[in-house]
Amino acid sequence: MNVIKSVVKRILVLPPNMFLVNFLQKIYNIKNSSSNEPGLITITFDDGLESVFSNAYPIMKKHDIRGNVAVIVDSVGKPGYMSLEQLRELSQNGWSIVSHSMTHRDLLALSPQEVESELRESRKWIIEQGFKGHNTFISPGHKYNSTIDSITKKYYSFSRNKTNFKGILGCYGFYRPNSLPFSPFSISSFPFERFYQSNQGRKKMKNYLDYAINNNKLGAIYSHELSDEMVLPFKEIIEFISKHKKNVITYHELQ
C-alpha cells in the first residue's frame, strides 16, 4: 500500500492536466445546483507580503474589489512585508486587516499559554491600529486542535483553519465552498496561488467561484505573495470576480 501511495504521489506532482477533473466538477456543480440566494466571495492574502500591496492591490482597486490581509504582527515593516502605512492605506480603502498571529509559529508546538498570547496580542494590535478585522483569525499553516479552537473562540468571531488543498489528490481533488450559514470556526479556503498559473487551474477556480455564487455558498480563496509573473493570471481572475463584485465581502463585513 505504501508503494502504491508513493507512486501516486509522484504522478500527482507532475504539471496537472485537469481537464477531466474540471469536467467532473462541473457535472457535480450542475447536479447539486439550487435556486437559493446568491452566495459570497472573500479574498485573503496571508502573511502581509509587500508584493500584495504592489501588485494585487492596484488591480483590485481598479475593479472596486476589497480583500483581507492576514497579518503577522512581528513581520510588519520588515523586508518583503508591508509597512504599517501600507496596511493603513488598505484599511482606509475598505480592506480587512485580520490576525495571522504575532509570529507565525506552529501553534501545535506551543503551550496553551503561548497560543493564547499569539492570539490575544495580535488581536489587541489590530484594534490599537484602528483596523477593521479584529474579528477574524487565520491559523498559521491551517494547524489547529481543540485547545486552539477554544482559545480562538475567546478572542475572535471567525476562524479560517482549513485549506481545500490537502490529501493525496491535491490539484485533482474536488473543491467545495462553505455552506451558508457557515460554521464560523471552521472556514475552509481555496488556495488560488496553486491554480491560476495554468488555464485549467483558472477554470477550476472559476468553477469553484461560480458554484459558490449560484448556490448560496461562501467561496473563500487565499494566496500569499503576488509575484510579477503572477500578475496577468491574477488580473484574469479578478476580472472574472468583478462580474460578481456586489457579492464580494471582507471578513469584517461577515455577520
Protein backbone atom coordinates (compact mmCIF):
# COMPACT_ATOMS: atom_id res chain seq x y z
CA MET A 1 0.00 0.00 0.00
CA ASN A 2 2.85 2.41 0.83
CA VAL A 3 4.43 1.68 -2.56
CA ILE A 4 1.16 2.49 -4.34
CA LYS A 5 0.79 5.76 -2.42
CA SER A 6 4.37 6.67 -3.27
CA VAL A 7 3.77 6.08 -6.99
CA VAL A 8 0.52 8.06 -6.96
CA LYS A 9 2.20 10.98 -5.20
CA ARG A 10 4.98 11.01 -7.80
CA ILE A 11 2.40 11.14 -10.59
CA LEU A 12 0.41 13.90 -8.95
CA VAL A 13 3.35 16.28 -8.58
CA LEU A 14 3.69 16.41 -12.38
CA PRO A 15 2.19 19.52 -14.06
CA PRO A 16 -1.51 18.63 -13.98
CA ASN A 17 -3.87 18.43 -16.91
CA MET A 18 -7.12 18.88 -15.03
CA PHE A 19 -9.49 18.78 -17.98
CA LEU A 20 -11.28 15.63 -16.81
CA VAL A 21 -11.39 16.80 -13.20
CA ASN A 22 -12.83 20.17 -14.23
CA PHE A 23 -15.44 18.42 -16.35
CA LEU A 24 -16.46 16.17 -13.45
CA GLN A 25 -16.51 19.15 -11.08
CA LYS A 26 -18.81 20.99 -13.46
CA ILE A 27 -21.16 18.00 -13.63
CA TYR A 28 -21.16 17.85 -9.82
CA ASN A 29 -21.95 21.57 -9.64
CA ILE A 30 -24.88 21.24 -12.05
CA LYS A 31 -26.25 18.18 -10.27
CA ASN A 32 -26.08 19.91 -6.89
CA SER A 33 -27.18 23.36 -8.01
CA SER A 34 -30.04 25.15 -6.31
CA SER A 35 -32.08 28.33 -6.69
CA ASN A 36 -31.10 29.80 -3.32
CA GLU A 37 -29.98 33.37 -2.70
CA PRO A 38 -26.63 34.33 -4.27
CA GLY A 39 -23.51 33.34 -2.38
CA LEU A 40 -20.45 35.31 -1.30
CA ILE A 41 -16.76 35.54 -2.17
CA THR A 42 -13.93 36.65 0.10
CA ILE A 43 -10.28 37.06 -0.96
CA THR A 44 -7.42 36.82 1.55
CA PHE A 45 -3.67 37.29 1.32
CA ASP A 46 -1.83 35.52 4.12
CA ASP A 47 1.30 36.89 5.82
CA GLY A 48 1.06 40.54 4.69
CA LEU A 49 3.70 40.39 1.96
CA GLU A 50 4.67 43.61 0.19
CA SER A 51 4.06 42.18 -3.29
CA VAL A 52 0.34 42.06 -2.49
CA PHE A 53 0.29 45.82 -1.96
CA SER A 54 2.42 46.47 -5.07
CA ASN A 55 0.77 44.01 -7.47
CA ALA A 56 -2.62 42.81 -6.21
CA TYR A 57 -3.99 45.97 -4.60
CA PRO A 58 -3.89 48.18 -7.76
CA ILE A 59 -5.71 45.52 -9.81
CA MET A 60 -8.38 45.01 -7.19
CA LYS A 61 -8.79 48.74 -6.59
CA LYS A 62 -9.34 49.31 -10.31
CA HIS A 63 -12.30 46.92 -10.15
CA ASP A 64 -13.55 48.27 -6.79
CA ILE A 65 -12.91 44.93 -5.07
CA ARG A 66 -11.65 44.74 -1.50
CA GLY A 67 -9.90 41.88 0.26
CA ASN A 68 -8.36 40.74 3.52
CA VAL A 69 -4.75 40.75 4.70
CA ALA A 70 -3.87 38.18 7.36
CA VAL A 71 -1.03 39.99 9.05
CA ILE A 72 1.89 38.56 11.04
CA VAL A 73 2.29 41.38 13.54
CA ASP A 74 6.01 40.91 14.24
CA SER A 75 6.78 40.99 10.50
CA VAL A 76 5.11 44.34 9.76
CA GLY A 77 7.70 46.69 8.24
CA LYS A 78 10.35 44.03 7.76
CA PRO A 79 11.92 43.48 4.30
CA GLY A 80 9.41 41.82 1.98
CA TYR A 81 6.44 42.64 4.21
CA MET A 82 4.01 45.53 4.14
CA SER A 83 4.70 48.60 6.20
CA LEU A 84 2.23 49.97 8.71
CA GLU A 85 1.50 52.83 6.30
CA GLN A 86 0.63 50.39 3.51
CA LEU A 87 -1.69 48.45 5.80
CA ARG A 88 -3.35 51.71 6.78
CA GLU A 89 -3.97 52.58 3.14
CA LEU A 90 -5.62 49.21 2.57
CA SER A 91 -7.73 49.65 5.69
CA GLN A 92 -8.80 53.13 4.64
CA ASN A 93 -9.94 51.65 1.32
CA GLY A 94 -12.20 49.08 2.97
CA TRP A 95 -9.89 46.10 3.40
CA SER A 96 -9.95 43.88 6.48
CA ILE A 97 -6.69 43.53 8.38
CA VAL A 98 -7.09 40.22 10.23
CA SER A 99 -4.91 38.22 12.59
CA HIS A 100 -2.38 35.65 11.44
CA SER A 101 -0.80 35.53 14.93
CA MET A 102 2.12 37.52 16.32
CA THR A 103 4.99 35.40 14.98
CA HIS A 104 3.50 32.74 12.65
CA ARG A 105 4.90 29.93 14.78
CA ASP A 106 3.36 26.45 14.58
CA LEU A 107 0.59 26.71 17.16
CA LEU A 108 0.56 22.95 17.67
CA ALA A 109 4.12 23.18 19.01
CA LEU A 110 3.26 25.85 21.58
CA SER A 111 1.90 25.66 25.08
CA PRO A 112 -1.70 26.82 25.65
CA GLN A 113 -0.32 29.95 27.31
CA GLU A 114 1.86 30.73 24.27
CA VAL A 115 -1.07 30.13 21.89
CA GLU A 116 -3.22 32.49 23.93
CA SER A 117 -0.53 35.17 23.79
CA GLU A 118 -0.21 34.80 20.00
CA LEU A 119 -3.96 35.23 19.52
CA ARG A 120 -4.69 37.79 22.22
CA GLU A 121 -1.80 40.13 21.42
CA SER A 122 -2.32 40.08 17.65
CA ARG A 123 -5.99 40.99 18.10
CA LYS A 124 -5.01 43.75 20.53
CA TRP A 125 -2.54 45.17 17.99
CA ILE A 126 -5.15 45.25 15.22
CA ILE A 127 -7.59 47.10 17.49
CA GLU A 128 -4.90 49.58 18.60
CA GLN A 129 -4.13 50.42 14.98
CA GLY A 130 -7.80 51.13 14.33
CA PHE A 131 -8.06 48.40 11.71
CA LYS A 132 -11.27 46.56 10.96
CA GLY A 133 -10.81 42.80 11.01
CA HIS A 134 -10.02 42.00 14.64
CA ASN A 135 -12.99 39.59 14.50
CA THR A 136 -11.09 37.03 12.38
CA PHE A 137 -8.14 34.68 12.95
CA ILE A 138 -6.30 32.83 10.18
CA SER A 139 -4.45 29.88 11.71
CA PRO A 140 -0.79 29.65 10.52
CA GLY A 141 -0.43 26.64 8.26
CA HIS A 142 -4.09 25.78 8.94
CA LYS A 143 -2.92 23.93 12.04
CA TYR A 144 -5.38 23.66 14.86
CA ASN A 145 -6.82 21.37 17.51
CA SER A 146 -9.49 21.57 20.19
CA THR A 147 -7.27 23.64 22.50
CA ILE A 148 -6.52 26.18 19.78
CA ASP A 149 -10.22 26.27 18.87
CA SER A 150 -11.27 27.03 22.43
CA ILE A 151 -8.70 29.83 22.74
CA THR A 152 -9.70 31.25 19.36
CA LYS A 153 -13.33 31.48 20.46
CA LYS A 154 -12.30 33.66 23.42
CA TYR A 155 -11.00 36.41 21.14
CA TYR A 156 -12.49 36.03 17.66
CA SER A 157 -15.81 35.59 15.88
CA PHE A 158 -14.42 33.69 12.89
CA SER A 159 -11.52 31.36 12.17
CA ARG A 160 -10.20 30.12 8.84
CA ASN A 161 -8.33 26.99 9.82
CA LYS A 162 -8.81 24.68 6.85
CA THR A 163 -7.46 24.56 3.32
CA ASN A 164 -9.01 22.61 0.48
CA PHE A 165 -5.53 21.74 -0.81
CA LYS A 166 -4.86 18.70 1.32
CA GLY A 167 -4.59 14.98 0.87
CA ILE A 168 -3.12 12.85 -1.84
CA LEU A 169 -5.32 14.25 -4.63
CA GLY A 170 -4.04 17.82 -4.37
CA CYS A 171 -4.91 19.73 -7.55
CA TYR A 172 -7.05 16.84 -8.72
CA GLY A 173 -9.48 16.94 -5.82
CA PHE A 174 -12.99 18.37 -5.74
CA TYR A 175 -13.26 21.77 -4.09
CA ARG A 176 -16.47 22.72 -2.32
CA PRO A 177 -17.25 26.18 -0.91
CA ASN A 178 -18.51 26.71 2.62
CA SER A 179 -22.23 26.29 3.18
CA LEU A 180 -24.24 29.33 4.24
CA PRO A 181 -24.85 29.93 7.04
CA PHE A 182 -21.24 28.83 7.52
CA SER A 183 -19.55 27.36 10.54
CA PRO A 184 -17.67 30.41 11.94
CA PHE A 185 -14.78 28.45 13.46
CA SER A 186 -14.09 26.02 10.64
CA ILE A 187 -13.95 28.14 7.49
CA SER A 188 -12.17 26.37 4.61
CA SER A 189 -10.47 28.18 1.76
CA PHE A 190 -9.33 27.56 -1.82
CA PRO A 191 -5.58 28.18 -2.35
CA PHE A 192 -5.73 30.09 -5.62
CA GLU A 193 -1.95 30.56 -5.90
CA ARG A 194 -1.81 26.81 -6.62
CA PHE A 195 -4.04 27.16 -9.66
CA TYR A 196 -4.01 30.43 -11.55
CA GLN A 197 -0.76 29.80 -13.42
CA SER A 198 -2.46 27.40 -15.88
CA ASN A 199 -5.61 27.64 -18.00
CA GLN A 200 -7.04 24.50 -16.42
CA GLY A 201 -6.22 25.80 -12.96
CA ARG A 202 -8.03 29.07 -13.62
CA LYS A 203 -11.02 27.14 -14.95
CA LYS A 204 -11.06 25.17 -11.71
CA MET A 205 -11.10 28.40 -9.72
CA LYS A 206 -13.91 29.81 -11.83
CA ASN A 207 -15.95 26.63 -11.35
CA TYR A 208 -15.45 26.96 -7.60
CA LEU A 209 -16.47 30.62 -7.54
CA ASP A 210 -19.42 30.13 -9.91
CA TYR A 211 -20.74 27.33 -7.74
CA ALA A 212 -20.44 29.48 -4.62
CA ILE A 213 -22.27 32.44 -6.15
CA ASN A 214 -25.03 30.38 -7.76
CA ASN A 215 -25.72 28.16 -4.76
CA ASN A 216 -25.67 30.41 -1.70
CA LYS A 217 -22.17 29.36 -0.55
CA LEU A 218 -19.16 31.22 0.82
CA GLY A 219 -16.30 30.94 -1.65
CA ALA A 220 -13.18 31.78 0.37
CA ILE A 221 -9.95 31.98 -1.64
CA TYR A 222 -6.44 32.78 -0.42
CA SER A 223 -2.88 33.31 -1.57
CA HIS A 224 0.40 34.57 -0.13
CA GLU A 225 2.64 36.62 -2.40
CA LEU A 226 1.74 38.00 -5.82
CA SER A 227 4.98 37.98 -7.80
CA ASP A 228 5.36 39.83 -11.09
CA GLU A 229 4.81 36.67 -13.15
CA MET A 230 1.51 36.09 -11.35
CA VAL A 231 0.04 39.49 -12.24
CA LEU A 232 -1.55 38.66 -15.59
CA PRO A 233 -3.31 35.43 -14.49
CA PHE A 234 -4.38 37.16 -11.27
CA LYS A 235 -5.83 40.02 -13.32
CA GLU A 236 -7.89 37.49 -15.30
CA ILE A 237 -9.34 36.05 -12.08
CA ILE A 238 -10.17 39.50 -10.68
CA GLU A 239 -11.88 40.46 -13.95
CA PHE A 240 -13.95 37.30 -13.63
CA ILE A 241 -14.78 38.08 -9.99
CA SER A 242 -15.68 41.67 -10.88
CA LYS A 243 -18.86 40.36 -12.54
CA HIS A 244 -19.94 39.39 -9.02
CA LYS A 245 -18.32 42.25 -7.10
CA LYS A 246 -21.54 43.06 -5.23
CA ASN A 247 -21.14 39.59 -3.69
CA VAL A 248 -17.51 40.11 -2.65
CA ILE A 249 -17.20 40.61 1.09
CA THR A 250 -14.41 41.21 3.61
CA TYR A 251 -14.16 39.41 6.93
CA HIS A 252 -15.15 42.45 8.97
CA GLU A 253 -18.37 42.59 6.94
CA LEU A 254 -19.31 38.98 7.69
CA GLN A 255 -22.10 38.52 10.22
